[in-house]
Each structure stands twice: as structure tokens, then as C-alpha cells.
């Protein structure tokens, strides 16, 4: 398991993520590469067309009228700023760790979650959770990743939960959305959840998935559920693991609470 706090400080001794507890990111990487090729090709064609056109005349340097009001609005007519409760940027520009939901009753902090450092996850550890580690590390940096906050809890002897909030600083919300779309794109494959999941209420295209049981001779049954949604510049991922079946309600309750908090 795994989350981050700085881009430059990636401890070499950080443990690799267990294979069974992290999603593969090959599909997300291929989507990102395809998008990059599409942008590059479109840019080249655009330059070629523009080079064949005659130059457009420049507008006059002087204008008869200003495009903005000559006088400032009276103080009583200036719109009031949004309260912090309604201003998304005020919430997400603060301590990202505080946007993680409170630990539910009956759960304890996972003392073995050494992928966390004071509630932060490094980009290097995040990338290690994917099959193409080097490619995903490069993808995150090129996508202007900002920081990753996380939490890890345990309940009873076998149930575990992880939450990660991955925030980007590109100035738009499309990067977090693209990351979430890429992660959901392979979930219906047989070697992942094997189903299309269920929509998370109020999330747009966010979904949660319950995997089939992973049964191997000599091992306890392994069950997993995963949720992938985004809001603004933050991609939210929640995972549940257990040796007993996980219900849809278990994962849905957590992701709906987390989405409301962000």
C-alpha cells in the first residue's frame, strides 16, 4: 500500500506495494500516451495550416472607449466573496490531509502502513503500485502532480481500508478527471474487478467496484472493493480488503462520505 508529500524527496528504501493490494496502471499510461500523440499531431497540422495563411492585420493601438467601467462599483454593490464552505479552492489549498474523512467507529490506524509518512505519500511510492513504475512516475510528474495525502485503517483481524487523495496543480480540473477515467477504464477486465461497477451518487462518472473472490489453494480467500472518483483537482481512491466478503454498502458508504468531505 502507499501515499506522498513531496516530489523531490522519494526515499529509496520505501517499500514496494504488495502486488495484490494495488491496481495496475498500464491502461492509464497507454491512454496518457495516446492523448499526447493526439495533441502533438494536432499541433503540427495547426502550424502547417497557419503558415499558409496571409498575416492578419494588427488592431489599432488607440481605442476611443475603454472596455471596462470608468468607475469602480460602490462598496455596497461589490459581490461578497464565497464563504469557505462553498469555495472549493479554499478547502483544497489547505492541509489536504484534513480533507480525509474521520476514521469510522470500530476502526484503528494501521500501524503497518509504512507507505505513509505523517499522512503523506510520495510520488515514487505511488508509482510503485503500478506495473509500469517508471512510466507512471514520469506520467505523474508531467501531469503536474502536486501532492498525495492518505490514510490506512484496520478493523478486526483481517479488514483493511486505504484512502488516497491525489491532487494536481495544472490550474484545471481535467488532469484529475483524466487520471480517474484511466483507472476506471480497465476495471471491467477479468483480471481486475470483472464488472462495470456502480455509479457513486453525486460524482458524475465516479464508480465503486466489488471484486470476485480470489481463491488460491493454501491461502485464505481474498476479497477486495475499490472506488475511483474525482472532484475538482483531486482524484479519490478508496480500497477495502478482507478475507471475508465485502458488501457494496461497505465501499459505497465510505466513498460517499469522502466525496462529500472534499
Protein backbone atom coordinates (compact mmCIF):
# COMPACT_ATOMS: atom_id res chain seq x y z
CA UNK A 1 0.00 0.00 0.00
CA UNK A 2 1.15 3.58 -0.36
CA UNK A 3 0.68 7.82 -0.44
CA UNK A 4 3.09 11.21 -0.66
CA UNK A 5 4.28 14.56 0.38
CA UNK A 6 6.97 16.00 -1.86
CA UNK A 7 8.02 15.43 -5.43
CA UNK A 8 11.74 15.60 -4.81
CA UNK A 9 12.02 13.53 -1.62
CA UNK A 10 11.38 9.93 -2.68
CA UNK A 11 13.14 7.69 -0.12
CA UNK A 12 14.92 4.85 -1.93
CA UNK A 13 14.13 2.46 0.90
CA UNK A 14 10.35 2.98 0.56
CA UNK A 15 8.73 -0.47 0.31
CA UNK A 16 7.20 -1.63 -2.92
CA UNK A 17 3.44 -2.04 -2.86
CA UNK A 18 2.08 -5.57 -2.39
CA UNK A 19 1.05 -6.92 -5.75
CA UNK A 20 -2.42 -7.92 -4.60
CA UNK A 21 -3.31 -4.61 -3.00
CA UNK A 22 -2.60 -2.07 -5.70
CA UNK A 23 -4.15 -1.60 -9.15
CA UNK A 24 -2.17 -1.87 -12.33
CA UNK A 25 -1.80 1.33 -14.33
CA UNK A 26 -0.78 0.12 -17.81
CA UNK A 27 -4.08 1.22 -19.34
CA UNK A 28 -3.88 4.65 -17.78
CA UNK A 29 -0.36 5.04 -19.15
CA UNK A 30 -1.38 4.00 -22.65
CA UNK A 31 -4.28 6.45 -22.57
CA UNK A 32 -1.96 9.22 -21.49
CA UNK A 33 0.50 8.35 -24.29
CA UNK A 34 -2.28 8.27 -26.87
CA UNK A 35 -3.53 11.64 -25.72
CA UNK A 36 -0.01 13.04 -26.00
CA UNK A 37 0.34 11.77 -29.58
CA UNK A 38 -3.01 13.26 -30.48
CA UNK A 39 -2.02 16.66 -29.10
CA UNK A 40 1.36 16.58 -30.87
CA UNK A 41 -0.18 15.62 -34.22
CA UNK A 42 -2.88 18.26 -33.96
CA UNK A 43 -0.33 20.93 -33.10
CA UNK A 44 1.85 20.09 -36.12
CA UNK A 45 -1.12 20.24 -38.52
CA UNK A 46 -2.26 23.51 -36.99
CA UNK A 47 1.13 25.13 -37.56
CA UNK A 48 1.14 23.96 -41.18
CA UNK A 49 -2.27 25.49 -41.90
CA UNK A 50 -1.41 28.74 -40.16
CA UNK A 51 1.85 29.12 -42.13
CA UNK A 52 -0.10 29.17 -45.44
CA UNK A 53 -2.46 31.93 -44.39
CA UNK A 54 -1.74 35.66 -45.01
CA UNK A 55 -0.87 37.62 -41.88
CA UNK A 56 -3.82 39.20 -40.09
CA UNK A 57 -3.66 43.00 -39.69
CA UNK A 58 -2.98 44.19 -36.14
CA UNK A 59 -5.73 46.15 -34.36
CA UNK A 60 -5.31 49.88 -33.87
CA UNK A 61 -3.20 50.84 -30.87
CA UNK A 62 -5.63 53.53 -29.75
CA UNK A 63 -9.26 52.98 -28.81
CA UNK A 64 -11.99 55.54 -28.39
CA UNK A 65 -13.64 53.86 -25.41
CA UNK A 66 -12.41 51.71 -22.55
CA UNK A 67 -13.75 48.16 -22.31
CA UNK A 68 -14.05 48.33 -18.53
CA UNK A 69 -16.14 50.61 -16.30
CA UNK A 70 -14.78 54.08 -15.78
CA UNK A 71 -15.65 53.93 -12.08
CA UNK A 72 -15.40 51.15 -9.55
CA UNK A 73 -18.60 49.67 -8.20
CA UNK A 74 -19.92 51.19 -4.98
CA UNK A 75 -18.91 49.24 -1.89
CA UNK A 76 -22.49 48.14 -1.25
CA UNK A 77 -22.73 46.60 -4.75
CA UNK A 78 -19.44 44.67 -4.79
CA UNK A 79 -20.24 40.93 -4.68
CA UNK A 80 -19.29 39.31 -1.40
CA UNK A 81 -16.66 36.54 -1.59
CA UNK A 82 -17.88 32.98 -1.30
CA UNK A 83 -17.81 31.56 2.22
CA UNK A 84 -15.14 28.95 2.83
CA UNK A 85 -17.81 26.25 2.98
CA UNK A 86 -18.73 26.98 -0.67
CA UNK A 87 -15.31 27.87 -2.07
CA UNK A 88 -13.70 24.65 -3.30
CA UNK A 89 -10.25 26.22 -3.64
CA UNK A 90 -10.21 27.40 -0.02
CA UNK A 91 -10.77 23.82 1.10
CA UNK A 92 -8.32 22.10 -1.25
CA UNK A 93 -5.49 24.64 -0.93
CA UNK A 94 -5.20 23.99 2.80
CA UNK A 95 -3.86 20.88 4.53
CA UNK A 96 -5.01 18.11 2.19
CA UNK A 97 -4.82 15.55 4.98
CA UNK A 98 -7.68 17.30 6.76
CA UNK A 99 -9.97 16.51 3.82
CA UNK A 100 -9.75 12.78 4.53
CA UNK A 101 -12.83 11.59 6.38
CA UNK A 102 -12.63 10.82 10.07
CA UNK A 103 -11.86 7.22 10.93
CA UNK A 104 -15.15 5.35 11.37
CA UNK A 105 -16.07 3.87 14.72
CA UNK A 106 -14.58 0.43 15.25
CA UNK A 107 -11.58 1.09 13.00
CA UNK A 108 -7.96 1.63 14.12
CA UNK A 109 -4.93 3.22 12.50
CA UNK A 110 -2.90 0.71 10.50
CA UNK A 111 0.48 0.74 12.22
CA UNK A 112 2.00 -1.30 9.38
CA UNK A 113 1.20 1.27 6.68
CA UNK A 114 4.83 2.29 6.14
CA UNK A 115 3.92 3.75 2.74
CA UNK A 116 2.58 6.75 4.67
CA UNK A 117 4.78 9.43 6.21
CA UNK A 118 2.74 11.59 8.58
CA UNK A 119 -0.30 11.22 6.34
CA UNK A 120 1.57 11.93 3.08
CA UNK A 121 2.55 9.60 0.24
CA UNK A 122 5.49 10.17 -2.06
CA UNK A 123 5.09 10.15 -5.83
CA UNK A 124 7.71 7.42 -6.05
CA UNK A 125 5.74 5.12 -3.75
CA UNK A 126 2.54 5.90 -5.64
CA UNK A 127 4.19 4.94 -8.93
CA UNK A 128 5.49 1.67 -7.45
CA UNK A 129 1.92 0.48 -7.18
CA UNK A 130 1.71 0.19 -10.97
CA UNK A 131 3.08 -2.41 -13.34
CA UNK A 132 4.95 0.23 -15.38
CA UNK A 133 6.61 2.01 -12.47
CA UNK A 134 8.99 4.26 -14.42
CA UNK A 135 6.34 5.24 -16.93
CA UNK A 136 3.80 6.13 -14.24
CA UNK A 137 6.38 8.16 -12.31
CA UNK A 138 7.08 10.17 -15.47
CA UNK A 139 3.33 10.47 -16.16
CA UNK A 140 2.67 11.91 -12.69
CA UNK A 141 5.45 14.48 -12.98
CA UNK A 142 4.41 15.55 -16.48
CA UNK A 143 0.82 15.84 -15.24
CA UNK A 144 2.00 18.40 -12.67
CA UNK A 145 1.11 16.30 -9.64
CA UNK A 146 1.05 18.42 -6.50
CA UNK A 147 0.73 16.09 -3.52
CA UNK A 148 -0.92 12.92 -2.24
CA UNK A 149 -2.50 12.50 1.18
CA UNK A 150 -3.59 9.17 2.56
CA UNK A 151 -4.95 7.13 5.42
CA UNK A 152 -4.85 3.43 6.32
CA UNK A 153 -7.11 1.70 8.82
CA UNK A 154 -7.78 -1.80 10.10
CA UNK A 155 -10.87 -3.40 11.61
CA UNK A 156 -10.77 -6.70 13.40
CA UNK A 157 -8.09 -9.15 12.32
CA UNK A 158 -8.42 -9.03 8.55
CA UNK A 159 -10.29 -5.99 7.19
CA UNK A 160 -8.16 -3.13 5.86
CA UNK A 161 -9.03 0.20 4.23
CA UNK A 162 -6.88 2.74 2.39
CA UNK A 163 -7.81 6.20 1.13
CA UNK A 164 -5.66 8.37 -1.13
CA UNK A 165 -6.32 11.91 -2.35
CA UNK A 166 -4.11 12.70 -5.36
CA UNK A 167 -4.07 16.41 -6.16
CA UNK A 168 -2.78 18.07 -9.34
CA UNK A 169 -1.75 21.70 -9.77
CA UNK A 170 -2.21 22.22 -13.51
CA UNK A 171 -4.72 25.03 -12.99
CA UNK A 172 -7.58 22.96 -14.42
CA UNK A 173 -9.66 20.06 -13.19
CA UNK A 174 -9.13 17.91 -16.28
CA UNK A 175 -5.96 16.18 -15.05
CA UNK A 176 -7.61 14.58 -12.02
CA UNK A 177 -10.56 13.62 -14.19
CA UNK A 178 -8.31 12.03 -16.84
CA UNK A 179 -6.45 10.08 -14.17
CA UNK A 180 -9.72 8.77 -12.75
CA UNK A 181 -11.07 7.88 -16.20
CA UNK A 182 -7.88 5.98 -17.00
CA UNK A 183 -8.11 4.00 -13.77
CA UNK A 184 -11.74 3.06 -14.34
CA UNK A 185 -11.14 2.09 -17.97
CA UNK A 186 -9.71 -1.35 -17.15
CA UNK A 187 -11.82 -2.27 -14.13
CA UNK A 188 -14.25 -4.43 -16.15
CA UNK A 189 -11.39 -6.69 -17.29
CA UNK A 190 -11.44 -10.23 -15.92
CA UNK A 191 -8.10 -9.80 -14.15
CA UNK A 192 -9.46 -6.78 -12.24
CA UNK A 193 -12.98 -6.28 -10.87
CA UNK A 194 -14.56 -8.06 -13.84
CA UNK A 195 -17.60 -5.77 -13.80
CA UNK A 196 -18.63 -2.20 -14.65
CA UNK A 197 -19.21 -1.22 -11.04
CA UNK A 198 -21.90 1.13 -9.72
CA UNK A 199 -22.17 4.89 -10.00
CA UNK A 200 -21.32 6.95 -6.93
CA UNK A 201 -24.20 9.31 -6.24
CA UNK A 202 -23.30 12.94 -6.95
CA UNK A 203 -19.91 12.14 -8.51
CA UNK A 204 -20.65 12.31 -12.23
CA UNK A 205 -18.86 9.23 -13.57
CA UNK A 206 -17.30 8.02 -10.32
CA UNK A 207 -17.77 4.32 -9.62
CA UNK A 208 -17.21 1.69 -6.96
CA UNK A 209 -16.46 -1.96 -7.63
CA UNK A 210 -16.66 -5.20 -5.67
CA UNK A 211 -14.24 -7.85 -6.93
CA UNK A 212 -14.91 -11.55 -7.08
CA UNK A 213 -13.22 -13.74 -4.51
CA UNK A 214 -9.55 -14.53 -5.13
CA UNK A 215 -9.23 -18.20 -4.22
CA UNK A 216 -5.83 -19.88 -4.20
CA UNK A 217 -5.05 -23.32 -2.72
CA UNK A 218 -3.30 -22.98 0.61
CA UNK A 219 -4.40 -19.36 1.18
CA UNK A 220 -7.38 -17.73 2.83
CA UNK A 221 -9.94 -16.23 0.43
CA UNK A 222 -9.10 -12.68 -0.60
CA UNK A 223 -11.82 -10.07 -1.20
CA UNK A 224 -11.47 -6.52 -2.43
CA UNK A 225 -13.56 -3.45 -3.26
CA UNK A 226 -12.38 -0.25 -4.91
CA UNK A 227 -13.82 3.22 -5.58
CA UNK A 228 -12.43 5.76 -8.07
CA UNK A 229 -13.92 9.25 -8.30
CA UNK A 230 -12.67 12.79 -8.78
CA UNK A 231 -13.76 16.21 -7.64
CA UNK A 232 -12.07 19.32 -8.92
CA UNK A 233 -8.30 18.81 -8.99
CA UNK A 234 -8.36 15.77 -6.68
CA UNK A 235 -8.64 12.10 -7.62
CA UNK A 236 -10.05 9.98 -4.80
CA UNK A 237 -9.29 6.27 -4.48
CA UNK A 238 -10.60 4.01 -1.72
CA UNK A 239 -9.75 0.32 -1.30
CA UNK A 240 -11.15 -2.30 1.05
CA UNK A 241 -9.51 -5.70 1.64
CA UNK A 242 -10.67 -8.67 3.69
CA UNK A 243 -10.67 -12.44 3.96
CA UNK A 244 -14.46 -12.28 4.20
CA UNK A 245 -16.92 -10.95 1.59
CA UNK A 246 -17.22 -7.16 1.25
CA UNK A 247 -20.67 -5.73 0.52
CA UNK A 248 -21.44 -2.90 -1.88
CA UNK A 249 -22.76 -0.91 1.05
CA UNK A 250 -19.37 -1.08 2.79
CA UNK A 251 -17.47 0.62 -0.04
CA UNK A 252 -20.35 2.89 -1.09
CA UNK A 253 -20.70 4.38 2.40
CA UNK A 254 -17.02 5.28 2.57
CA UNK A 255 -16.79 6.84 -0.88
CA UNK A 256 -19.99 8.88 -0.47
CA UNK A 257 -18.72 10.28 2.83
CA UNK A 258 -15.32 11.07 1.32
CA UNK A 259 -16.80 12.76 -1.73
CA UNK A 260 -18.99 14.93 0.45
CA UNK A 261 -15.96 15.92 2.56
CA UNK A 262 -13.94 17.03 -0.49
